Full PDB file with SEQRES, HELIX, SHEET, SSBOND, CRYST1, ORIGX, SCALE, CONECT and MASTER records, all heavy atoms in Angstrom:
SEQRES   1 A   40  THR LEU GLY PRO ALA GLN GLN LEU TYR GLY GLN TYR THR          
SEQRES   2 A   40  ALA PHE GLY GLU VAL LEU SER GLY MET GLY VAL LEU SER          
SEQRES   3 A   40  ALA LEU THR PRO ARG ASN PRO GLN PRO GLY ILE VAL PRO          
SEQRES   4 A   40  PRO                                                          
HELIX    1 AA1 GLN A    6  LEU A    8  5                                   3    
HELIX    2 AA2 MET A   22  SER A   26  1                                   5    
CRYST1    1.000    1.000    1.000  90.00  90.00  90.00 P 1           1          
ORIGX1      1.000000  0.000000  0.000000        0.00000                         
ORIGX2      0.000000  1.000000  0.000000        0.00000                         
ORIGX3      0.000000  0.000000  1.000000        0.00000                         
SCALE1      1.000000  0.000000  0.000000        0.00000                         
SCALE2      0.000000  1.000000  0.000000        0.00000                         
SCALE3      0.000000  0.000000  1.000000        0.00000                         
ATOM      1  N   THR A   1       0.874  -1.214  -0.003  1.00  0.00           N  
ATOM      2  CA  THR A   1       0.078  -0.020   0.041  1.00  0.00           C  
ATOM      3  C   THR A   1       0.916   1.280   0.021  1.00  0.00           C  
ATOM      4  O   THR A   1       1.916   1.289   0.697  1.00  0.00           O  
ATOM      5  CB  THR A   1      -0.903  -0.010   1.178  1.00  0.00           C  
ATOM      6  OG1 THR A   1      -0.127   0.008   2.363  1.00  0.00           O  
ATOM      7  CG2 THR A   1      -1.813  -1.256   1.215  1.00  0.00           C  
ATOM      8  N   LEU A   2       0.481   2.270  -0.749  1.00  0.00           N  
ATOM      9  CA  LEU A   2       1.129   3.596  -0.894  1.00  0.00           C  
ATOM     10  C   LEU A   2       0.390   4.612  -0.188  1.00  0.00           C  
ATOM     11  O   LEU A   2       0.781   5.798  -0.157  1.00  0.00           O  
ATOM     12  CB  LEU A   2       1.402   3.949  -2.302  1.00  0.00           C  
ATOM     13  CG  LEU A   2       2.077   3.042  -3.186  1.00  0.00           C  
ATOM     14  CD1 LEU A   2       2.237   3.444  -4.589  1.00  0.00           C  
ATOM     15  CD2 LEU A   2       3.505   2.615  -2.588  1.00  0.00           C  
ATOM     16  N   GLY A   3      -0.650   4.192   0.586  1.00  0.00           N  
ATOM     17  CA  GLY A   3      -1.449   5.116   1.342  1.00  0.00           C  
ATOM     18  C   GLY A   3      -2.579   4.242   2.037  1.00  0.00           C  
ATOM     19  O   GLY A   3      -2.684   3.078   1.943  1.00  0.00           O  
ATOM     20  N   PRO A   4      -3.420   4.953   2.868  1.00  0.00           N  
ATOM     21  CA  PRO A   4      -4.489   4.246   3.418  1.00  0.00           C  
ATOM     22  C   PRO A   4      -5.329   3.489   2.444  1.00  0.00           C  
ATOM     23  O   PRO A   4      -5.723   3.996   1.435  1.00  0.00           O  
ATOM     24  CB  PRO A   4      -5.346   5.268   4.199  1.00  0.00           C  
ATOM     25  CG  PRO A   4      -4.303   6.376   4.403  1.00  0.00           C  
ATOM     26  CD  PRO A   4      -3.486   6.418   3.100  1.00  0.00           C  
ATOM     27  N   ALA A   5      -5.720   2.290   2.729  1.00  0.00           N  
ATOM     28  CA  ALA A   5      -6.624   1.534   1.796  1.00  0.00           C  
ATOM     29  C   ALA A   5      -7.527   0.571   2.674  1.00  0.00           C  
ATOM     30  O   ALA A   5      -7.589  -0.662   2.527  1.00  0.00           O  
ATOM     31  CB  ALA A   5      -5.703   0.590   0.957  1.00  0.00           C  
ATOM     32  N   GLN A   6      -8.306   1.284   3.483  1.00  0.00           N  
ATOM     33  CA  GLN A   6      -9.173   0.469   4.364  1.00  0.00           C  
ATOM     34  C   GLN A   6     -10.223  -0.422   3.631  1.00  0.00           C  
ATOM     35  O   GLN A   6     -10.723  -1.372   4.101  1.00  0.00           O  
ATOM     36  CB  GLN A   6      -9.985   1.362   5.289  1.00  0.00           C  
ATOM     37  CG  GLN A   6      -9.074   2.185   6.374  1.00  0.00           C  
ATOM     38  CD  GLN A   6      -8.605   3.392   5.827  1.00  0.00           C  
ATOM     39  OE1 GLN A   6      -8.458   3.668   4.596  1.00  0.00           O  
ATOM     40  NE2 GLN A   6      -8.525   4.473   6.786  1.00  0.00           N  
ATOM     41  N   GLN A   7     -10.420  -0.055   2.311  1.00  0.00           N  
ATOM     42  CA  GLN A   7     -11.431  -0.870   1.554  1.00  0.00           C  
ATOM     43  C   GLN A   7     -10.917  -2.287   1.322  1.00  0.00           C  
ATOM     44  O   GLN A   7     -11.716  -3.157   0.993  1.00  0.00           O  
ATOM     45  CB  GLN A   7     -11.740  -0.134   0.189  1.00  0.00           C  
ATOM     46  CG  GLN A   7     -10.521  -0.060  -0.706  1.00  0.00           C  
ATOM     47  CD  GLN A   7      -9.727   1.252  -0.578  1.00  0.00           C  
ATOM     48  OE1 GLN A   7      -9.454   1.661   0.541  1.00  0.00           O  
ATOM     49  NE2 GLN A   7      -9.449   1.793  -1.699  1.00  0.00           N  
ATOM     50  N   LEU A   8      -9.612  -2.518   1.641  1.00  0.00           N  
ATOM     51  CA  LEU A   8      -9.082  -3.891   1.323  1.00  0.00           C  
ATOM     52  C   LEU A   8      -9.149  -4.825   2.542  1.00  0.00           C  
ATOM     53  O   LEU A   8      -8.914  -5.965   2.542  1.00  0.00           O  
ATOM     54  CB  LEU A   8      -7.689  -3.794   0.989  1.00  0.00           C  
ATOM     55  CG  LEU A   8      -7.415  -2.971  -0.344  1.00  0.00           C  
ATOM     56  CD1 LEU A   8      -5.891  -3.007  -0.720  1.00  0.00           C  
ATOM     57  CD2 LEU A   8      -8.236  -3.379  -1.503  1.00  0.00           C  
ATOM     58  N   TYR A   9      -9.676  -4.105   3.679  1.00  0.00           N  
ATOM     59  CA  TYR A   9      -9.725  -4.896   4.933  1.00  0.00           C  
ATOM     60  C   TYR A   9     -10.553  -6.211   4.890  1.00  0.00           C  
ATOM     61  O   TYR A   9     -11.692  -6.095   4.282  1.00  0.00           O  
ATOM     62  CB  TYR A   9     -10.224  -4.029   6.037  1.00  0.00           C  
ATOM     63  CG  TYR A   9     -10.503  -4.807   7.354  1.00  0.00           C  
ATOM     64  CD1 TYR A   9      -9.452  -5.171   8.148  1.00  0.00           C  
ATOM     65  CD2 TYR A   9     -11.796  -5.067   7.755  1.00  0.00           C  
ATOM     66  CE1 TYR A   9      -9.582  -5.854   9.372  1.00  0.00           C  
ATOM     67  CE2 TYR A   9     -11.956  -5.896   8.967  1.00  0.00           C  
ATOM     68  CZ  TYR A   9     -10.898  -6.220   9.709  1.00  0.00           C  
ATOM     69  OH  TYR A   9     -11.101  -6.910  10.889  1.00  0.00           O  
ATOM     70  N   GLY A  10     -10.025  -7.275   5.346  1.00  0.00           N  
ATOM     71  CA  GLY A  10     -10.834  -8.412   5.353  1.00  0.00           C  
ATOM     72  C   GLY A  10     -10.793  -9.362   4.080  1.00  0.00           C  
ATOM     73  O   GLY A  10     -11.421 -10.399   3.967  1.00  0.00           O  
ATOM     74  N   GLN A  11     -10.025  -8.800   3.091  1.00  0.00           N  
ATOM     75  CA  GLN A  11     -10.016  -9.565   1.878  1.00  0.00           C  
ATOM     76  C   GLN A  11      -8.682 -10.075   1.419  1.00  0.00           C  
ATOM     77  O   GLN A  11      -8.639 -11.101   0.644  1.00  0.00           O  
ATOM     78  CB  GLN A  11     -10.363  -8.506   0.612  1.00  0.00           C  
ATOM     79  CG  GLN A  11     -11.780  -7.912   0.844  1.00  0.00           C  
ATOM     80  CD  GLN A  11     -12.050  -7.035  -0.364  1.00  0.00           C  
ATOM     81  OE1 GLN A  11     -12.064  -7.367  -1.516  1.00  0.00           O  
ATOM     82  NE2 GLN A  11     -12.217  -5.730  -0.079  1.00  0.00           N  
ATOM     83  N   TYR A  12      -7.670  -9.553   1.915  1.00  0.00           N  
ATOM     84  CA  TYR A  12      -6.239 -10.003   1.553  1.00  0.00           C  
ATOM     85  C   TYR A  12      -5.416 -10.219   2.826  1.00  0.00           C  
ATOM     86  O   TYR A  12      -5.640  -9.720   3.946  1.00  0.00           O  
ATOM     87  CB  TYR A  12      -5.570  -8.831   0.855  1.00  0.00           C  
ATOM     88  CG  TYR A  12      -6.445  -8.575  -0.460  1.00  0.00           C  
ATOM     89  CD1 TYR A  12      -7.376  -7.564  -0.511  1.00  0.00           C  
ATOM     90  CD2 TYR A  12      -6.193  -9.339  -1.639  1.00  0.00           C  
ATOM     91  CE1 TYR A  12      -8.096  -7.302  -1.551  1.00  0.00           C  
ATOM     92  CE2 TYR A  12      -7.032  -9.164  -2.682  1.00  0.00           C  
ATOM     93  CZ  TYR A  12      -7.917  -8.053  -2.771  1.00  0.00           C  
ATOM     94  OH  TYR A  12      -8.759  -7.892  -3.741  1.00  0.00           O  
ATOM     95  N   THR A  13      -4.427 -11.086   2.652  1.00  0.00           N  
ATOM     96  CA  THR A  13      -3.549 -11.544   3.696  1.00  0.00           C  
ATOM     97  C   THR A  13      -2.377 -10.501   3.843  1.00  0.00           C  
ATOM     98  O   THR A  13      -1.477 -10.383   2.888  1.00  0.00           O  
ATOM     99  CB  THR A  13      -2.846 -12.900   3.503  1.00  0.00           C  
ATOM    100  OG1 THR A  13      -3.889 -13.943   3.490  1.00  0.00           O  
ATOM    101  CG2 THR A  13      -1.837 -13.287   4.617  1.00  0.00           C  
ATOM    102  N   ALA A  14      -2.295  -9.680   4.834  1.00  0.00           N  
ATOM    103  CA  ALA A  14      -1.253  -8.847   5.159  1.00  0.00           C  
ATOM    104  C   ALA A  14      -0.179  -9.715   5.797  1.00  0.00           C  
ATOM    105  O   ALA A  14      -0.256 -10.236   6.896  1.00  0.00           O  
ATOM    106  CB  ALA A  14      -1.596  -7.692   6.076  1.00  0.00           C  
ATOM    107  N   PHE A  15       1.044  -9.737   5.162  1.00  0.00           N  
ATOM    108  CA  PHE A  15       2.125 -10.659   5.662  1.00  0.00           C  
ATOM    109  C   PHE A  15       3.417  -9.982   5.872  1.00  0.00           C  
ATOM    110  O   PHE A  15       4.422 -10.497   6.258  1.00  0.00           O  
ATOM    111  CB  PHE A  15       2.263 -11.853   4.700  1.00  0.00           C  
ATOM    112  CG  PHE A  15       2.871 -11.372   3.381  1.00  0.00           C  
ATOM    113  CD1 PHE A  15       4.264 -11.487   3.156  1.00  0.00           C  
ATOM    114  CD2 PHE A  15       2.069 -11.045   2.301  1.00  0.00           C  
ATOM    115  CE1 PHE A  15       4.853 -11.106   1.958  1.00  0.00           C  
ATOM    116  CE2 PHE A  15       2.699 -10.706   1.121  1.00  0.00           C  
ATOM    117  CZ  PHE A  15       3.977 -10.779   0.889  1.00  0.00           C  
ATOM    118  N   GLY A  16       3.443  -8.521   5.762  1.00  0.00           N  
ATOM    119  CA  GLY A  16       4.591  -7.810   5.968  1.00  0.00           C  
ATOM    120  C   GLY A  16       4.420  -6.361   6.233  1.00  0.00           C  
ATOM    121  O   GLY A  16       3.293  -5.844   5.946  1.00  0.00           O  
ATOM    122  N   GLU A  17       5.447  -5.649   6.743  1.00  0.00           N  
ATOM    123  CA  GLU A  17       5.428  -4.239   6.907  1.00  0.00           C  
ATOM    124  C   GLU A  17       6.664  -3.632   6.369  1.00  0.00           C  
ATOM    125  O   GLU A  17       7.774  -4.118   6.727  1.00  0.00           O  
ATOM    126  CB  GLU A  17       5.138  -3.790   8.315  1.00  0.00           C  
ATOM    127  CG  GLU A  17       3.862  -4.409   8.941  1.00  0.00           C  
ATOM    128  CD  GLU A  17       3.775  -4.209  10.436  1.00  0.00           C  
ATOM    129  OE1 GLU A  17       4.785  -3.941  11.063  1.00  0.00           O  
ATOM    130  OE2 GLU A  17       2.697  -4.467  11.048  1.00  0.00           O  
ATOM    131  N   VAL A  18       6.565  -2.470   5.667  1.00  0.00           N  
ATOM    132  CA  VAL A  18       7.800  -1.881   5.182  1.00  0.00           C  
ATOM    133  C   VAL A  18       8.521  -1.112   6.313  1.00  0.00           C  
ATOM    134  O   VAL A  18       7.903  -0.328   7.037  1.00  0.00           O  
ATOM    135  CB  VAL A  18       7.461  -0.808   4.061  1.00  0.00           C  
ATOM    136  CG1 VAL A  18       8.675   0.016   3.608  1.00  0.00           C  
ATOM    137  CG2 VAL A  18       6.812  -1.533   2.880  1.00  0.00           C  
ATOM    138  N   LEU A  19       9.837  -1.428   6.439  1.00  0.00           N  
ATOM    139  CA  LEU A  19      10.662  -0.820   7.505  1.00  0.00           C  
ATOM    140  C   LEU A  19      11.355   0.371   6.886  1.00  0.00           C  
ATOM    141  O   LEU A  19      11.564   1.411   7.598  1.00  0.00           O  
ATOM    142  CB  LEU A  19      11.670  -1.760   8.103  1.00  0.00           C  
ATOM    143  CG  LEU A  19      11.147  -3.047   8.715  1.00  0.00           C  
ATOM    144  CD1 LEU A  19      12.229  -3.950   9.187  1.00  0.00           C  
ATOM    145  CD2 LEU A  19      10.327  -2.762   9.896  1.00  0.00           C  
ATOM    146  N   SER A  20      11.723   0.258   5.662  1.00  0.00           N  
ATOM    147  CA  SER A  20      12.421   1.433   5.134  1.00  0.00           C  
ATOM    148  C   SER A  20      12.108   1.217   3.464  1.00  0.00           C  
ATOM    149  O   SER A  20      12.113   0.107   3.025  1.00  0.00           O  
ATOM    150  CB  SER A  20      13.852   1.511   5.277  1.00  0.00           C  
ATOM    151  OG  SER A  20      14.546   0.382   4.894  1.00  0.00           O  
ATOM    152  N   GLY A  21      12.240   2.393   2.843  1.00  0.00           N  
ATOM    153  CA  GLY A  21      12.064   2.377   1.380  1.00  0.00           C  
ATOM    154  C   GLY A  21      10.734   2.897   0.796  1.00  0.00           C  
ATOM    155  O   GLY A  21      10.420   2.801  -0.437  1.00  0.00           O  
ATOM    156  N   MET A  22       9.945   3.529   1.593  1.00  0.00           N  
ATOM    157  CA  MET A  22       8.652   4.134   1.167  1.00  0.00           C  
ATOM    158  C   MET A  22       8.993   5.210   0.013  1.00  0.00           C  
ATOM    159  O   MET A  22       8.208   5.278  -0.881  1.00  0.00           O  
ATOM    160  CB  MET A  22       7.897   4.653   2.248  1.00  0.00           C  
ATOM    161  CG  MET A  22       7.190   3.592   3.104  1.00  0.00           C  
ATOM    162  SD  MET A  22       6.161   2.408   2.193  1.00  0.00           S  
ATOM    163  CE  MET A  22       5.000   3.527   1.384  1.00  0.00           C  
ATOM    164  N   GLY A  23      10.010   5.929   0.226  1.00  0.00           N  
ATOM    165  CA  GLY A  23      10.482   6.870  -0.866  1.00  0.00           C  
ATOM    166  C   GLY A  23      10.658   6.174  -2.183  1.00  0.00           C  
ATOM    167  O   GLY A  23      10.391   6.713  -3.174  1.00  0.00           O  
ATOM    168  N   VAL A  24      11.272   5.077  -2.092  1.00  0.00           N  
ATOM    169  CA  VAL A  24      11.605   4.227  -3.341  1.00  0.00           C  
ATOM    170  C   VAL A  24      10.197   3.730  -3.946  1.00  0.00           C  
ATOM    171  O   VAL A  24      10.027   3.982  -5.218  1.00  0.00           O  
ATOM    172  CB  VAL A  24      12.376   2.985  -3.051  1.00  0.00           C  
ATOM    173  CG1 VAL A  24      12.520   2.086  -4.233  1.00  0.00           C  
ATOM    174  CG2 VAL A  24      13.805   3.325  -2.527  1.00  0.00           C  
ATOM    175  N   LEU A  25       9.305   3.382  -3.209  1.00  0.00           N  
ATOM    176  CA  LEU A  25       8.061   2.952  -3.723  1.00  0.00           C  
ATOM    177  C   LEU A  25       7.212   4.065  -4.279  1.00  0.00           C  
ATOM    178  O   LEU A  25       6.546   4.045  -5.320  1.00  0.00           O  
ATOM    179  CB  LEU A  25       7.220   2.211  -2.569  1.00  0.00           C  
ATOM    180  CG  LEU A  25       7.831   0.924  -2.079  1.00  0.00           C  
ATOM    181  CD1 LEU A  25       7.051   0.515  -0.807  1.00  0.00           C  
ATOM    182  CD2 LEU A  25       7.682  -0.178  -3.096  1.00  0.00           C  
ATOM    183  N   SER A  26       7.317   5.304  -3.627  1.00  0.00           N  
ATOM    184  CA  SER A  26       6.564   6.443  -4.031  1.00  0.00           C  
ATOM    185  C   SER A  26       7.153   6.916  -5.369  1.00  0.00           C  
ATOM    186  O   SER A  26       6.415   7.624  -6.150  1.00  0.00           O  
ATOM    187  CB  SER A  26       6.653   7.529  -3.055  1.00  0.00           C  
ATOM    188  OG  SER A  26       5.969   7.132  -1.837  1.00  0.00           O  
ATOM    189  N   ALA A  27       8.384   6.593  -5.726  1.00  0.00           N  
ATOM    190  CA  ALA A  27       8.956   6.981  -6.955  1.00  0.00           C  
ATOM    191  C   ALA A  27       8.792   6.114  -8.132  1.00  0.00           C  
ATOM    192  O   ALA A  27       9.287   6.274  -9.187  1.00  0.00           O  
ATOM    193  CB  ALA A  27      10.591   7.217  -6.669  1.00  0.00           C  
ATOM    194  N   LEU A  28       8.084   4.940  -7.889  1.00  0.00           N  
ATOM    195  CA  LEU A  28       7.805   3.984  -8.947  1.00  0.00           C  
ATOM    196  C   LEU A  28       7.098   4.635 -10.010  1.00  0.00           C  
ATOM    197  O   LEU A  28       6.118   5.460  -9.717  1.00  0.00           O  
ATOM    198  CB  LEU A  28       7.159   2.819  -8.343  1.00  0.00           C  
ATOM    199  CG  LEU A  28       7.932   1.862  -7.431  1.00  0.00           C  
ATOM    200  CD1 LEU A  28       7.092   0.762  -6.901  1.00  0.00           C  
ATOM    201  CD2 LEU A  28       9.261   1.400  -8.149  1.00  0.00           C  
ATOM    202  N   THR A  29       7.176   4.272 -11.307  1.00  0.00           N  
ATOM    203  CA  THR A  29       6.546   4.833 -12.370  1.00  0.00           C  
ATOM    204  C   THR A  29       5.087   4.342 -12.369  1.00  0.00           C  
ATOM    205  O   THR A  29       4.733   3.250 -12.218  1.00  0.00           O  
ATOM    206  CB  THR A  29       7.079   4.309 -13.704  1.00  0.00           C  
ATOM    207  OG1 THR A  29       8.503   4.686 -13.756  1.00  0.00           O  
ATOM    208  CG2 THR A  29       6.417   4.912 -14.967  1.00  0.00           C  
ATOM    209  N   PRO A  30       4.154   5.369 -12.362  1.00  0.00           N  
ATOM    210  CA  PRO A  30       2.771   5.047 -12.356  1.00  0.00           C  
ATOM    211  C   PRO A  30       2.300   4.193 -13.573  1.00  0.00           C  
ATOM    212  O   PRO A  30       2.795   4.521 -14.676  1.00  0.00           O  
ATOM    213  CB  PRO A  30       2.037   6.357 -12.365  1.00  0.00           C  
ATOM    214  CG  PRO A  30       2.920   7.353 -11.757  1.00  0.00           C  
ATOM    215  CD  PRO A  30       4.345   6.845 -12.211  1.00  0.00           C  
ATOM    216  N   ARG A  31       1.672   3.117 -13.279  1.00  0.00           N  
ATOM    217  CA  ARG A  31       1.355   2.183 -14.453  1.00  0.00           C  
ATOM    218  C   ARG A  31       0.104   1.463 -14.221  1.00  0.00           C  
ATOM    219  O   ARG A  31      -0.146   0.781 -13.176  1.00  0.00           O  
ATOM    220  CB  ARG A  31       2.490   1.208 -14.620  1.00  0.00           C  
ATOM    221  CG  ARG A  31       2.541   0.309 -15.796  1.00  0.00           C  
ATOM    222  CD  ARG A  31       3.857  -0.426 -15.857  1.00  0.00           C  
ATOM    223  NE  ARG A  31       3.966  -1.067 -17.175  1.00  0.00           N  
ATOM    224  CZ  ARG A  31       3.467  -2.280 -17.547  1.00  0.00           C  
ATOM    225  NH1 ARG A  31       2.752  -2.973 -16.703  1.00  0.00           N  
ATOM    226  NH2 ARG A  31       3.710  -2.793 -18.756  1.00  0.00           N  
ATOM    227  N   ASN A  32      -0.853   1.667 -15.047  1.00  0.00           N  
ATOM    228  CA  ASN A  32      -2.228   0.988 -14.913  1.00  0.00           C  
ATOM    229  C   ASN A  32      -2.720   0.449 -16.234  1.00  0.00           C  
ATOM    230  O   ASN A  32      -3.468   1.150 -16.892  1.00  0.00           O  
ATOM    231  CB  ASN A  32      -3.204   2.007 -14.338  1.00  0.00           C  
ATOM    232  CG  ASN A  32      -4.481   1.310 -13.990  1.00  0.00           C  
ATOM    233  OD1 ASN A  32      -4.573   0.168 -13.833  1.00  0.00           O  
ATOM    234  ND2 ASN A  32      -5.455   2.099 -13.776  1.00  0.00           N  
ATOM    235  N   PRO A  33      -2.202  -0.680 -16.707  1.00  0.00           N  
ATOM    236  CA  PRO A  33      -2.544  -1.208 -17.939  1.00  0.00           C  
ATOM    237  C   PRO A  33      -3.998  -1.332 -18.154  1.00  0.00           C  
ATOM    238  O   PRO A  33      -4.739  -1.777 -17.307  1.00  0.00           O  
ATOM    239  CB  PRO A  33      -1.869  -2.572 -18.043  1.00  0.00           C  
ATOM    240  CG  PRO A  33      -0.848  -2.436 -16.958  1.00  0.00           C  
ATOM    241  CD  PRO A  33      -1.314  -1.588 -15.906  1.00  0.00           C  
ATOM    242  N   GLN A  34      -4.465  -0.821 -19.321  1.00  0.00           N  
ATOM    243  CA  GLN A  34      -5.946  -0.890 -19.616  1.00  0.00           C  
ATOM    244  C   GLN A  34      -6.054  -1.196 -21.149  1.00  0.00           C  
ATOM    245  O   GLN A  34      -5.113  -0.894 -22.001  1.00  0.00           O  
ATOM    246  CB  GLN A  34      -6.509   0.418 -19.343  1.00  0.00           C  
ATOM    247  CG  GLN A  34      -6.483   0.844 -17.929  1.00  0.00           C  
ATOM    248  CD  GLN A  34      -7.222   2.256 -17.656  1.00  0.00           C  
ATOM    249  OE1 GLN A  34      -8.333   2.469 -18.047  1.00  0.00           O  
ATOM    250  NE2 GLN A  34      -6.421   3.211 -17.036  1.00  0.00           N  
ATOM    251  N   PRO A  35      -7.175  -1.722 -21.615  1.00  0.00           N  
ATOM    252  CA  PRO A  35      -7.457  -2.079 -23.023  1.00  0.00           C  
ATOM    253  C   PRO A  35      -7.193  -0.848 -23.904  1.00  0.00           C  
ATOM    254  O   PRO A  35      -7.718   0.188 -23.614  1.00  0.00           O  
ATOM    255  CB  PRO A  35      -8.780  -2.611 -23.000  1.00  0.00           C  
ATOM    256  CG  PRO A  35      -9.093  -3.188 -21.657  1.00  0.00           C  
ATOM    257  CD  PRO A  35      -8.283  -2.158 -20.786  1.00  0.00           C  
ATOM    258  N   GLY A  36      -6.405  -1.008 -24.943  1.00  0.00           N  
ATOM    259  CA  GLY A  36      -6.150   0.144 -25.913  1.00  0.00           C  
ATOM    260  C   GLY A  36      -5.207   1.129 -25.490  1.00  0.00           C  
ATOM    261  O   GLY A  36      -4.887   2.094 -26.203  1.00  0.00           O  
ATOM    262  N   ILE A  37      -4.542   0.902 -24.275  1.00  0.00           N  
ATOM    263  CA  ILE A  37      -3.593   1.860 -23.900  1.00  0.00           C  
ATOM    264  C   ILE A  37      -2.232   1.193 -23.590  1.00  0.00           C  
ATOM    265  O   ILE A  37      -2.158   0.230 -22.840  1.00  0.00           O  
ATOM    266  CB  ILE A  37      -4.015   2.612 -22.499  1.00  0.00           C  
ATOM    267  CG1 ILE A  37      -5.360   3.364 -22.742  1.00  0.00           C  
ATOM    268  CG2 ILE A  37      -3.006   3.598 -21.974  1.00  0.00           C  
ATOM    269  CD1 ILE A  37      -5.858   3.996 -21.564  1.00  0.00           C  
ATOM    270  N   VAL A  38      -1.135   1.727 -24.168  1.00  0.00           N  
ATOM    271  CA  VAL A  38       0.182   1.182 -24.032  1.00  0.00           C  
ATOM    272  C   VAL A  38       0.781   1.792 -22.733  1.00  0.00           C  
ATOM    273  O   VAL A  38       1.069   3.071 -22.850  1.00  0.00           O  
ATOM    274  CB  VAL A  38       1.065   1.284 -25.241  1.00  0.00           C  
ATOM    275  CG1 VAL A  38       2.358   0.638 -24.977  1.00  0.00           C  
ATOM    276  CG2 VAL A  38       0.368   0.663 -26.391  1.00  0.00           C  
ATOM    277  N   PRO A  39       1.001   1.129 -21.673  1.00  0.00           N  
ATOM    278  CA  PRO A  39       1.437   1.751 -20.423  1.00  0.00           C  
ATOM    279  C   PRO A  39       2.994   1.919 -20.521  1.00  0.00           C  
ATOM    280  O   PRO A  39       3.670   1.355 -21.368  1.00  0.00           O  
ATOM    281  CB  PRO A  39       1.161   0.807 -19.362  1.00  0.00           C  
ATOM    282  CG  PRO A  39       1.122  -0.542 -20.073  1.00  0.00           C  
ATOM    283  CD  PRO A  39       0.663  -0.243 -21.482  1.00  0.00           C  
ATOM    284  N   PRO A  40       3.514   2.915 -19.734  1.00  0.00           N  
ATOM    285  CA  PRO A  40       5.091   2.961 -19.702  1.00  0.00           C  
ATOM    286  C   PRO A  40       5.613   1.722 -19.155  1.00  0.00           C  
ATOM    287  O   PRO A  40       4.972   0.896 -18.612  1.00  0.00           O  
ATOM    288  CB  PRO A  40       5.289   4.170 -18.757  1.00  0.00           C  
ATOM    289  CG  PRO A  40       4.046   4.203 -17.990  1.00  0.00           C  
ATOM    290  CD  PRO A  40       2.916   3.788 -18.835  1.00  0.00           C  
TER     291      PRO A  40                                                      
MASTER        0    0    0    2    0    0    0    6  290    1    0    4          
END                                                                             
């Protein structure tokens, strides 16, 4: 998760917590593949 995501509660197994590197994750290239769109 890159922010609060309470809507996912009760659906997925949380098996870890980030200790360091949130800045790295926030710098990842936004990418949301969709039909007809070539993502970066």
